[in-house]
């Protein structure tokens, strides 16, 4: 009987999906952390969609200056970033956990959220995130892709049993971050460019329709 019971435990452990899907018994997220990340992913998506709803072609293509992005380019950039950043998060979680690197993290969750969302510091994006690399033909297609991917990311954050806090990316552009913070980086990035979209809409030369 003991052997059968032990065999059952071994079999169960082998059936658990490994990697990004999560593993049993490694959840280090509190209910509050899980709820906050899920809510932030959801809310930033809603606010973005609301900020571009009903815009005309002229409004989507308007540029405040020749070297500035249009709203359409912002949408492409956000959706491109969603894909690339999540691949980065996935790779970090699939790599072996490295809790010894947690001491290198210098930013709190609150500092990360505030810093990424703030428009006071301008940052030039890197090549993979440039709007010109977008594979979508219209902003609507890009937004639909964002909705689909964000739904998957929200579902993941609701159910993951991965040890997100003990998978640390030491090469993050803003300094070492754990995988949970990387999710906050993704949603904060959406918020940052949603603010940029609203700035464009407030420009005195922004088309009325």
Foldseek 3Di string as FASTA:
>chain_A
DVVVVVVVVVVVQVPDDDALLAHPPQAPDDPVLLVVLLVLLVVLLVLLCVLCPPDDPLQQQDAPDPPGHGVLFLLLLLLLCLVVLVVVLRVLLRDDFAQVCLVFDDDDLVRLLVVLQDPPDDDDDDDSSGSVPGPDPGSVVSSVSSVVSSVVVSVSSNDHRGNQQRRWDQPDPVGIDTSSSSSSSSSSNSNNSSVVSVVSCPRPPRDPD
